[in-house]
Amino acid sequence: MNKNNQDVTETVSFNAEEIRRSNICEILKHVSQALEERGYNSINQLAGYLISNDPAYISSHNNARSIIQSVERHEIIEELVRFYLEEHK
């Protein structure tokens, strides 16, 4: 056993897709919070950005504009559609 009480012969699985999805979720939460702190409706602003690709919809507060641009727009849209469809089966 190692210091984390994990059998050292146990294989650890790495799931890049799961990490990517989690990253997108954290980015959306961060950007939403930054927009709301500035008094914006985060849903309207995010929708405007995703539809138009105009970063002016996203405040630079707490580096939100740069953070959301760190991931491709189509990846955010794919994740939103995936989440919606999985929740509404």
PDB file of N, CA and C in Angstrom:
ATOM      1  N   MET A   1       0.841  -1.189   0.000  1.00  0.00           N
ATOM      2  CA  MET A   1       0.000   0.000   0.000  1.00  0.00           C
ATOM      3  C   MET A   1       0.885   1.252   0.000  1.00  0.00           C
ATOM      4  N   ASN A   2       0.447   2.265  -0.748  1.00  0.00           N
ATOM      5  CA  ASN A   2       1.181   3.523  -0.740  1.00  0.00           C
ATOM      6  C   ASN A   2       0.538   4.469   0.263  1.00  0.00           C
ATOM      7  N   LYS A   3       1.003   5.700   0.314  1.00  0.00           N
ATOM      8  CA  LYS A   3       0.527   6.647   1.330  1.00  0.00           C
ATOM      9  C   LYS A   3      -0.945   7.017   1.167  1.00  0.00           C
ATOM     10  N   ASN A   4      -1.548   6.765   0.008  1.00  0.00           N
ATOM     11  CA  ASN A   4      -2.964   7.067  -0.220  1.00  0.00           C
ATOM     12  C   ASN A   4      -3.848   5.848   0.011  1.00  0.00           C
ATOM     13  N   ASN A   5      -3.314   4.826   0.691  1.00  0.00           N
ATOM     14  CA  ASN A   5      -4.037   3.584   0.947  1.00  0.00           C
ATOM     15  C   ASN A   5      -4.533   2.936  -0.332  1.00  0.00           C
ATOM     16  N   GLN A   6      -3.739   3.011  -1.363  1.00  0.00           N
ATOM     17  CA  GLN A   6      -4.094   2.445  -2.658  1.00  0.00           C
ATOM     18  C   GLN A   6      -3.099   1.340  -2.984  1.00  0.00           C
ATOM     19  N   ASP A   7      -3.602   0.208  -3.385  1.00  0.00           N
ATOM     20  CA  ASP A   7      -2.743  -0.907  -3.782  1.00  0.00           C
ATOM     21  C   ASP A   7      -1.911  -0.451  -4.970  1.00  0.00           C
ATOM     22  N   VAL A   8      -0.583  -0.535  -4.862  1.00  0.00           N
ATOM     23  CA  VAL A   8       0.297  -0.037  -5.920  1.00  0.00           C
ATOM     24  C   VAL A   8       0.208  -0.865  -7.190  1.00  0.00           C
ATOM     25  N   THR A   9      -0.416  -2.028  -7.131  1.00  0.00           N
ATOM     26  CA  THR A   9      -0.592  -2.840  -8.338  1.00  0.00           C
ATOM     27  C   THR A   9      -1.891  -2.511  -9.061  1.00  0.00           C
ATOM     28  N   GLU A  10      -2.707  -1.671  -8.463  1.00  0.00           N
ATOM     29  CA  GLU A  10      -3.989  -1.283  -9.061  1.00  0.00           C
ATOM     30  C   GLU A  10      -3.747  -0.337 -10.230  1.00  0.00           C
ATOM     31  N   THR A  11      -4.406  -0.583 -11.335  1.00  0.00           N
ATOM     32  CA  THR A  11      -4.277   0.270 -12.511  1.00  0.00           C
ATOM     33  C   THR A  11      -5.227   1.451 -12.383  1.00  0.00           C
ATOM     34  N   VAL A  12      -4.703   2.634 -12.600  1.00  0.00           N
ATOM     35  CA  VAL A  12      -5.505   3.848 -12.553  1.00  0.00           C
ATOM     36  C   VAL A  12      -5.915   4.203 -13.972  1.00  0.00           C
ATOM     37  N   SER A  13      -7.177   4.502 -14.136  1.00  0.00           N
ATOM     38  CA  SER A  13      -7.707   4.829 -15.462  1.00  0.00           C
ATOM     39  C   SER A  13      -7.686   6.336 -15.671  1.00  0.00           C
ATOM     40  N   PHE A  14      -7.245   6.764 -16.832  1.00  0.00           N
ATOM     41  CA  PHE A  14      -7.207   8.179 -17.194  1.00  0.00           C
ATOM     42  C   PHE A  14      -8.251   8.408 -18.275  1.00  0.00           C
ATOM     43  N   ASN A  15      -9.172   9.314 -18.028  1.00  0.00           N
ATOM     44  CA  ASN A  15     -10.239   9.577 -18.983  1.00  0.00           C
ATOM     45  C   ASN A  15     -10.166  11.041 -19.410  1.00  0.00           C
ATOM     46  N   ALA A  16      -9.553  11.295 -20.556  1.00  0.00           N
ATOM     47  CA  ALA A  16      -9.375  12.666 -21.042  1.00  0.00           C
ATOM     48  C   ALA A  16     -10.712  13.341 -21.313  1.00  0.00           C
ATOM     49  N   GLU A  17     -11.686  12.600 -21.818  1.00  0.00           N
ATOM     50  CA  GLU A  17     -13.008  13.168 -22.115  1.00  0.00           C
ATOM     51  C   GLU A  17     -13.680  13.659 -20.840  1.00  0.00           C
ATOM     52  N   GLU A  18     -13.576  12.890 -19.779  1.00  0.00           N
ATOM     53  CA  GLU A  18     -14.167  13.283 -18.503  1.00  0.00           C
ATOM     54  C   GLU A  18     -13.497  14.551 -17.967  1.00  0.00           C
ATOM     55  N   ILE A  19     -12.198  14.640 -18.105  1.00  0.00           N
ATOM     56  CA  ILE A  19     -11.461  15.823 -17.655  1.00  0.00           C
ATOM     57  C   ILE A  19     -11.858  17.040 -18.484  1.00  0.00           C
ATOM     58  N   ARG A  20     -11.984  16.875 -19.797  1.00  0.00           N
ATOM     59  CA  ARG A  20     -12.389  17.972 -20.679  1.00  0.00           C
ATOM     60  C   ARG A  20     -13.781  18.475 -20.301  1.00  0.00           C
ATOM     61  N   ARG A  21     -14.698  17.543 -20.061  1.00  0.00           N
ATOM     62  CA  ARG A  21     -16.067  17.922 -19.693  1.00  0.00           C
ATOM     63  C   ARG A  21     -16.092  18.656 -18.356  1.00  0.00           C
ATOM     64  N   SER A  22     -15.316  18.173 -17.404  1.00  0.00           N
ATOM     65  CA  SER A  22     -15.239  18.814 -16.098  1.00  0.00           C
ATOM     66  C   SER A  22     -14.652  20.220 -16.218  1.00  0.00           C
ATOM     67  N   ASN A  23     -13.645  20.377 -17.065  1.00  0.00           N
ATOM     68  CA  ASN A  23     -13.026  21.681 -17.290  1.00  0.00           C
ATOM     69  C   ASN A  23     -14.039  22.672 -17.869  1.00  0.00           C
ATOM     70  N   ILE A  24     -14.823  22.231 -18.835  1.00  0.00           N
ATOM     71  CA  ILE A  24     -15.842  23.102 -19.434  1.00  0.00           C
ATOM     72  C   ILE A  24     -16.862  23.510 -18.380  1.00  0.00           C
ATOM     73  N   CYS A  25     -17.267  22.574 -17.547  1.00  0.00           N
ATOM     74  CA  CYS A  25     -18.222  22.877 -16.472  1.00  0.00           C
ATOM     75  C   CYS A  25     -17.660  23.943 -15.533  1.00  0.00           C
ATOM     76  N   GLU A  26     -16.417  23.796 -15.125  1.00  0.00           N
ATOM     77  CA  GLU A  26     -15.791  24.767 -14.222  1.00  0.00           C
ATOM     78  C   GLU A  26     -15.653  26.136 -14.887  1.00  0.00           C
ATOM     79  N   ILE A  27     -15.330  26.155 -16.160  1.00  0.00           N
ATOM     80  CA  ILE A  27     -15.225  27.415 -16.896  1.00  0.00           C
ATOM     81  C   ILE A  27     -16.577  28.118 -16.931  1.00  0.00           C
ATOM     82  N   LEU A  28     -17.640  27.386 -17.246  1.00  0.00           N
ATOM     83  CA  LEU A  28     -18.974  27.990 -17.303  1.00  0.00           C
ATOM     84  C   LEU A  28     -19.397  28.529 -15.937  1.00  0.00           C
ATOM     85  N   LYS A  29     -19.101  27.796 -14.879  1.00  0.00           N
ATOM     86  CA  LYS A  29     -19.431  28.269 -13.528  1.00  0.00           C
ATOM     87  C   LYS A  29     -18.678  29.559 -13.209  1.00  0.00           C
ATOM     88  N   HIS A  30     -17.382  29.583 -13.515  1.00  0.00           N
ATOM     89  CA  HIS A  30     -16.552  30.755 -13.231  1.00  0.00           C
ATOM     90  C   HIS A  30     -17.052  31.978 -14.004  1.00  0.00           C
ATOM     91  N   VAL A  31     -17.293  31.791 -15.291  1.00  0.00           N
ATOM     92  CA  VAL A  31     -17.739  32.900 -16.139  1.00  0.00           C
ATOM     93  C   VAL A  31     -19.118  33.379 -15.697  1.00  0.00           C
ATOM     94  N   SER A  32     -20.011  32.457 -15.397  1.00  0.00           N
ATOM     95  CA  SER A  32     -21.350  32.819 -14.935  1.00  0.00           C
ATOM     96  C   SER A  32     -21.279  33.655 -13.659  1.00  0.00           C
ATOM     97  N   GLN A  33     -20.466  33.230 -12.725  1.00  0.00           N
ATOM     98  CA  GLN A  33     -20.315  33.970 -11.470  1.00  0.00           C
ATOM     99  C   GLN A  33     -19.750  35.365 -11.725  1.00  0.00           C
ATOM    100  N   ALA A  34     -18.748  35.461 -12.580  1.00  0.00           N
ATOM    101  CA  ALA A  34     -18.147  36.765 -12.891  1.00  0.00           C
ATOM    102  C   ALA A  34     -19.171  37.698 -13.528  1.00  0.00           C
ATOM    103  N   LEU A  35     -19.985  37.170 -14.430  1.00  0.00           N
ATOM    104  CA  LEU A  35     -21.015  37.990 -15.075  1.00  0.00           C
ATOM    105  C   LEU A  35     -22.044  38.467 -14.055  1.00  0.00           C
ATOM    106  N   GLU A  36     -22.486  37.562 -13.191  1.00  0.00           N
ATOM    107  CA  GLU A  36     -23.481  37.928 -12.182  1.00  0.00           C
ATOM    108  C   GLU A  36     -22.924  38.937 -11.186  1.00  0.00           C
ATOM    109  N   GLU A  37     -21.643  38.829 -10.851  1.00  0.00           N
ATOM    110  CA  GLU A  37     -21.015  39.807  -9.957  1.00  0.00           C
ATOM    111  C   GLU A  37     -21.037  41.204 -10.564  1.00  0.00           C
ATOM    112  N   ARG A  38     -21.046  41.287 -11.865  1.00  0.00           N
ATOM    113  CA  ARG A  38     -21.100  42.572 -12.569  1.00  0.00           C
ATOM    114  C   ARG A  38     -22.531  42.996 -12.903  1.00  0.00           C
ATOM    115  N   GLY A  39     -23.513  42.196 -12.466  1.00  0.00           N
ATOM    116  CA  GLY A  39     -24.912  42.570 -12.644  1.00  0.00           C
ATOM    117  C   GLY A  39     -25.540  42.121 -13.951  1.00  0.00           C
ATOM    118  N   TYR A  40     -24.862  41.256 -14.684  1.00  0.00           N
ATOM    119  CA  TYR A  40     -25.396  40.760 -15.955  1.00  0.00           C
ATOM    120  C   TYR A  40     -26.201  39.484 -15.742  1.00  0.00           C
ATOM    121  N   ASN A  41     -27.126  39.222 -16.662  1.00  0.00           N
ATOM    122  CA  ASN A  41     -27.826  37.948 -16.711  1.00  0.00           C
ATOM    123  C   ASN A  41     -26.881  36.970 -17.410  1.00  0.00           C
ATOM    124  N   SER A  42     -26.332  36.043 -16.663  1.00  0.00           N
ATOM    125  CA  SER A  42     -25.289  35.168 -17.214  1.00  0.00           C
ATOM    126  C   SER A  42     -25.801  34.281 -18.348  1.00  0.00           C
ATOM    127  N   ILE A  43     -27.040  33.846 -18.285  1.00  0.00           N
ATOM    128  CA  ILE A  43     -27.586  33.003 -19.358  1.00  0.00           C
ATOM    129  C   ILE A  43     -27.656  33.789 -20.657  1.00  0.00           C
ATOM    130  N   ASN A  44     -28.180  35.005 -20.595  1.00  0.00           N
ATOM    131  CA  ASN A  44     -28.276  35.831 -21.802  1.00  0.00           C
ATOM    132  C   ASN A  44     -26.900  36.151 -22.377  1.00  0.00           C
ATOM    133  N   GLN A  45     -25.956  36.485 -21.510  1.00  0.00           N
ATOM    134  CA  GLN A  45     -24.621  36.852 -21.983  1.00  0.00           C
ATOM    135  C   GLN A  45     -23.892  35.656 -22.594  1.00  0.00           C
ATOM    136  N   LEU A  46     -23.990  34.504 -21.934  1.00  0.00           N
ATOM    137  CA  LEU A  46     -23.346  33.306 -22.474  1.00  0.00           C
ATOM    138  C   LEU A  46     -23.984  32.890 -23.796  1.00  0.00           C
ATOM    139  N   ALA A  47     -25.307  32.971 -23.877  1.00  0.00           N
ATOM    140  CA  ALA A  47     -25.987  32.634 -25.132  1.00  0.00           C
ATOM    141  C   ALA A  47     -25.541  33.579 -26.239  1.00  0.00           C
ATOM    142  N   GLY A  48     -25.454  34.863 -25.941  1.00  0.00           N
ATOM    143  CA  GLY A  48     -24.994  35.835 -26.931  1.00  0.00           C
ATOM    144  C   GLY A  48     -23.602  35.515 -27.430  1.00  0.00           C
ATOM    145  N   TYR A  49     -22.722  35.156 -26.504  1.00  0.00           N
ATOM    146  CA  TYR A  49     -21.355  34.796 -26.888  1.00  0.00           C
ATOM    147  C   TYR A  49     -21.338  33.535 -27.750  1.00  0.00           C
ATOM    148  N   LEU A  50     -22.065  32.514 -27.321  1.00  0.00           N
ATOM    149  CA  LEU A  50     -22.045  31.244 -28.046  1.00  0.00           C
ATOM    150  C   LEU A  50     -22.658  31.366 -29.437  1.00  0.00           C
ATOM    151  N   ILE A  51     -23.668  32.203 -29.585  1.00  0.00           N
ATOM    152  CA  ILE A  51     -24.305  32.392 -30.893  1.00  0.00           C
ATOM    153  C   ILE A  51     -23.431  33.222 -31.818  1.00  0.00           C
ATOM    154  N   SER A  52     -22.848  34.290 -31.286  1.00  0.00           N
ATOM    155  CA  SER A  52     -22.157  35.268 -32.137  1.00  0.00           C
ATOM    156  C   SER A  52     -20.636  35.101 -32.208  1.00  0.00           C
ATOM    157  N   ASN A  53     -20.069  34.437 -31.218  1.00  0.00           N
ATOM    158  CA  ASN A  53     -18.611  34.346 -31.067  1.00  0.00           C
ATOM    159  C   ASN A  53     -17.985  35.713 -30.786  1.00  0.00           C
ATOM    160  N   ASP A  54     -18.780  36.636 -30.275  1.00  0.00           N
ATOM    161  CA  ASP A  54     -18.290  37.973 -29.935  1.00  0.00           C
ATOM    162  C   ASP A  54     -17.920  37.996 -28.452  1.00  0.00           C
ATOM    163  N   PRO A  55     -16.635  38.086 -28.118  1.00  0.00           N
ATOM    164  CA  PRO A  55     -16.220  38.061 -26.715  1.00  0.00           C
ATOM    165  C   PRO A  55     -16.694  39.270 -25.908  1.00  0.00           C
ATOM    166  N   ALA A  56     -17.224  40.292 -26.578  1.00  0.00           N
ATOM    167  CA  ALA A  56     -17.726  41.464 -25.857  1.00  0.00           C
ATOM    168  C   ALA A  56     -18.918  41.109 -24.959  1.00  0.00           C
ATOM    169  N   TYR A  57     -19.567  39.974 -25.210  1.00  0.00           N
ATOM    170  CA  TYR A  57     -20.669  39.530 -24.348  1.00  0.00           C
ATOM    171  C   TYR A  57     -20.181  39.078 -22.977  1.00  0.00           C
ATOM    172  N   ILE A  58     -18.890  38.801 -22.859  1.00  0.00           N
ATOM    173  CA  ILE A  58     -18.327  38.275 -21.614  1.00  0.00           C
ATOM    174  C   ILE A  58     -17.455  39.342 -20.961  1.00  0.00           C
ATOM    175  N   SER A  59     -17.751  39.637 -19.713  1.00  0.00           N
ATOM    176  CA  SER A  59     -16.984  40.624 -18.958  1.00  0.00           C
ATOM    177  C   SER A  59     -15.540  40.156 -18.774  1.00  0.00           C
ATOM    178  N   SER A  60     -14.638  41.110 -18.688  1.00  0.00           N
ATOM    179  CA  SER A  60     -13.246  40.763 -18.391  1.00  0.00           C
ATOM    180  C   SER A  60     -13.031  40.598 -16.882  1.00  0.00           C
ATOM    181  N   HIS A  61     -14.069  40.858 -16.090  1.00  0.00           N
ATOM    182  CA  HIS A  61     -14.007  40.713 -14.636  1.00  0.00           C
ATOM    183  C   HIS A  61     -13.543  39.299 -14.269  1.00  0.00           C
ATOM    184  N   ASN A  62     -12.599  39.205 -13.357  1.00  0.00           N
ATOM    185  CA  ASN A  62     -12.024  37.925 -12.912  1.00  0.00           C
ATOM    186  C   ASN A  62     -11.487  37.088 -14.074  1.00  0.00           C
ATOM    187  N   ASN A  63     -11.041  37.781 -15.118  1.00  0.00           N
ATOM    188  CA  ASN A  63     -10.426  37.126 -16.275  1.00  0.00           C
ATOM    189  C   ASN A  63     -11.392  36.207 -17.027  1.00  0.00           C
ATOM    190  N   ALA A  64     -12.704  36.451 -16.867  1.00  0.00           N
ATOM    191  CA  ALA A  64     -13.718  35.568 -17.453  1.00  0.00           C
ATOM    192  C   ALA A  64     -13.619  35.495 -18.972  1.00  0.00           C
ATOM    193  N   ARG A  65     -13.372  36.617 -19.624  1.00  0.00           N
ATOM    194  CA  ARG A  65     -13.306  36.627 -21.092  1.00  0.00           C
ATOM    195  C   ARG A  65     -12.161  35.752 -21.595  1.00  0.00           C
ATOM    196  N   SER A  66     -11.010  35.887 -20.993  1.00  0.00           N
ATOM    197  CA  SER A  66      -9.860  35.065 -21.404  1.00  0.00           C
ATOM    198  C   SER A  66     -10.091  33.592 -21.103  1.00  0.00           C
ATOM    199  N   ILE A  67     -10.695  33.325 -19.962  1.00  0.00           N
ATOM    200  CA  ILE A  67     -10.921  31.935 -19.557  1.00  0.00           C
ATOM    201  C   ILE A  67     -11.880  31.236 -20.514  1.00  0.00           C
ATOM    202  N   ILE A  68     -12.980  31.898 -20.883  1.00  0.00           N
ATOM    203  CA  ILE A  68     -13.937  31.235 -21.774  1.00  0.00           C
ATOM    204  C   ILE A  68     -13.345  31.034 -23.162  1.00  0.00           C
ATOM    205  N   GLN A  69     -12.431  31.904 -23.563  1.00  0.00           N
ATOM    206  CA  GLN A  69     -11.809  31.760 -24.873  1.00  0.00           C
ATOM    207  C   GLN A  69     -10.712  30.691 -24.881  1.00  0.00           C
ATOM    208  N   SER A  70     -10.420  30.121 -23.718  1.00  0.00           N
ATOM    209  CA  SER A  70      -9.409  29.064 -23.646  1.00  0.00           C
ATOM    210  C   SER A  70      -9.940  27.726 -24.152  1.00  0.00           C
ATOM    211  N   VAL A  71     -11.242  27.666 -24.385  1.00  0.00           N
ATOM    212  CA  VAL A  71     -11.860  26.444 -24.903  1.00  0.00           C
ATOM    213  C   VAL A  71     -12.657  26.814 -26.156  1.00  0.00           C
ATOM    214  N   GLU A  72     -12.694  25.908 -27.108  1.00  0.00           N
ATOM    215  CA  GLU A  72     -13.409  26.176 -28.358  1.00  0.00           C
ATOM    216  C   GLU A  72     -14.910  26.287 -28.106  1.00  0.00           C
ATOM    217  N   ARG A  73     -15.529  27.246 -28.771  1.00  0.00           N
ATOM    218  CA  ARG A  73     -16.968  27.460 -28.634  1.00  0.00           C
ATOM    219  C   ARG A  73     -17.764  26.200 -28.932  1.00  0.00           C
ATOM    220  N   HIS A  74     -17.406  25.502 -29.998  1.00  0.00           N
ATOM    221  CA  HIS A  74     -18.167  24.299 -30.363  1.00  0.00           C
ATOM    222  C   HIS A  74     -18.073  23.227 -29.284  1.00  0.00           C
ATOM    223  N   GLU A  75     -16.975  23.187 -28.527  1.00  0.00           N
ATOM    224  CA  GLU A  75     -16.857  22.222 -27.435  1.00  0.00           C
ATOM    225  C   GLU A  75     -17.815  22.568 -26.303  1.00  0.00           C
ATOM    226  N   ILE A  76     -17.979  23.856 -26.033  1.00  0.00           N
ATOM    227  CA  ILE A  76     -18.933  24.288 -25.006  1.00  0.00           C
ATOM    228  C   ILE A  76     -20.346  23.924 -25.443  1.00  0.00           C
ATOM    229  N   ILE A  77     -20.680  24.216 -26.687  1.00  0.00           N
ATOM    230  CA  ILE A  77     -22.018  23.912 -27.201  1.00  0.00           C
ATOM    231  C   ILE A  77     -22.275  22.408 -27.149  1.00  0.00           C
ATOM    232  N   GLU A  78     -21.309  21.605 -27.580  1.00  0.00           N
ATOM    233  CA  GLU A  78     -21.458  20.145 -27.526  1.00  0.00           C
ATOM    234  C   GLU A  78     -21.722  19.673 -26.102  1.00  0.00           C
ATOM    235  N   GLU A  79     -20.987  20.218 -25.145  1.00  0.00           N
ATOM    236  CA  GLU A  79     -21.166  19.804 -23.761  1.00  0.00           C
ATOM    237  C   GLU A  79     -22.538  20.213 -23.236  1.00  0.00           C
ATOM    238  N   LEU A  80     -23.000  21.402 -23.583  1.00  0.00           N
ATOM    239  CA  LEU A  80     -24.327  21.845 -23.155  1.00  0.00           C
ATOM    240  C   LEU A  80     -25.423  20.961 -23.738  1.00  0.00           C
ATOM    241  N   VAL A  81     -25.314  20.615 -25.015  1.00  0.00           N
ATOM    242  CA  VAL A  81     -26.302  19.740 -25.657  1.00  0.00           C
ATOM    243  C   VAL A  81     -26.260  18.351 -25.021  1.00  0.00           C
ATOM    244  N   ARG A  82     -25.061  17.813 -24.817  1.00  0.00           N
ATOM    245  CA  ARG A  82     -24.910  16.494 -24.190  1.00  0.00           C
ATOM    246  C   ARG A  82     -25.554  16.481 -22.808  1.00  0.00           C
ATOM    247  N   PHE A  83     -25.249  17.485 -22.005  1.00  0.00           N
ATOM    248  CA  PHE A  83     -25.797  17.560 -20.651  1.00  0.00           C
ATOM    249  C   PHE A  83     -27.319  17.639 -20.697  1.00  0.00           C
ATOM    250  N   TYR A  84     -27.862  18.487 -21.553  1.00  0.00           N
ATOM    251  CA  TYR A  84     -29.313  18.650 -21.648  1.00  0.00           C
ATOM    252  C   TYR A  84     -29.986  17.339 -22.045  1.00  0.00           C
ATOM    253  N   LEU A  85     -29.463  16.695 -23.068  1.00  0.00           N
ATOM    254  CA  LEU A  85     -30.077  15.455 -23.550  1.00  0.00           C
ATOM    255  C   LEU A  85     -29.961  14.328 -22.531  1.00  0.00           C
ATOM    256  N   GLU A  86     -28.848  14.253 -21.817  1.00  0.00           N
ATOM    257  CA  GLU A  86     -28.697  13.223 -20.787  1.00  0.00           C
ATOM    258  C   GLU A  86     -29.655  13.458 -19.627  1.00  0.00           C
ATOM    259  N   GLU A  87     -29.910  14.709 -19.298  1.00  0.00           N
ATOM    260  CA  GLU A  87     -30.811  15.037 -18.192  1.00  0.00           C
ATOM    261  C   GLU A  87     -32.283  14.881 -18.564  1.00  0.00           C
ATOM    262  N   HIS A  88     -32.590  14.871 -19.850  1.00  0.00           N
ATOM    263  CA  HIS A  88     -33.991  14.829 -20.301  1.00  0.00           C
ATOM    264  C   HIS A  88     -34.293  13.602 -21.143  1.00  0.00           C
ATOM    265  N   LYS A  89     -33.750  12.471 -20.759  1.00  0.00           N
ATOM    266  CA  LYS A  89     -34.022  11.212 -21.472  1.00  0.00           C
ATOM    267  C   LYS A  89     -35.401  10.714 -21.140  1.00  0.00           C
TER     268      LYS A  89
END
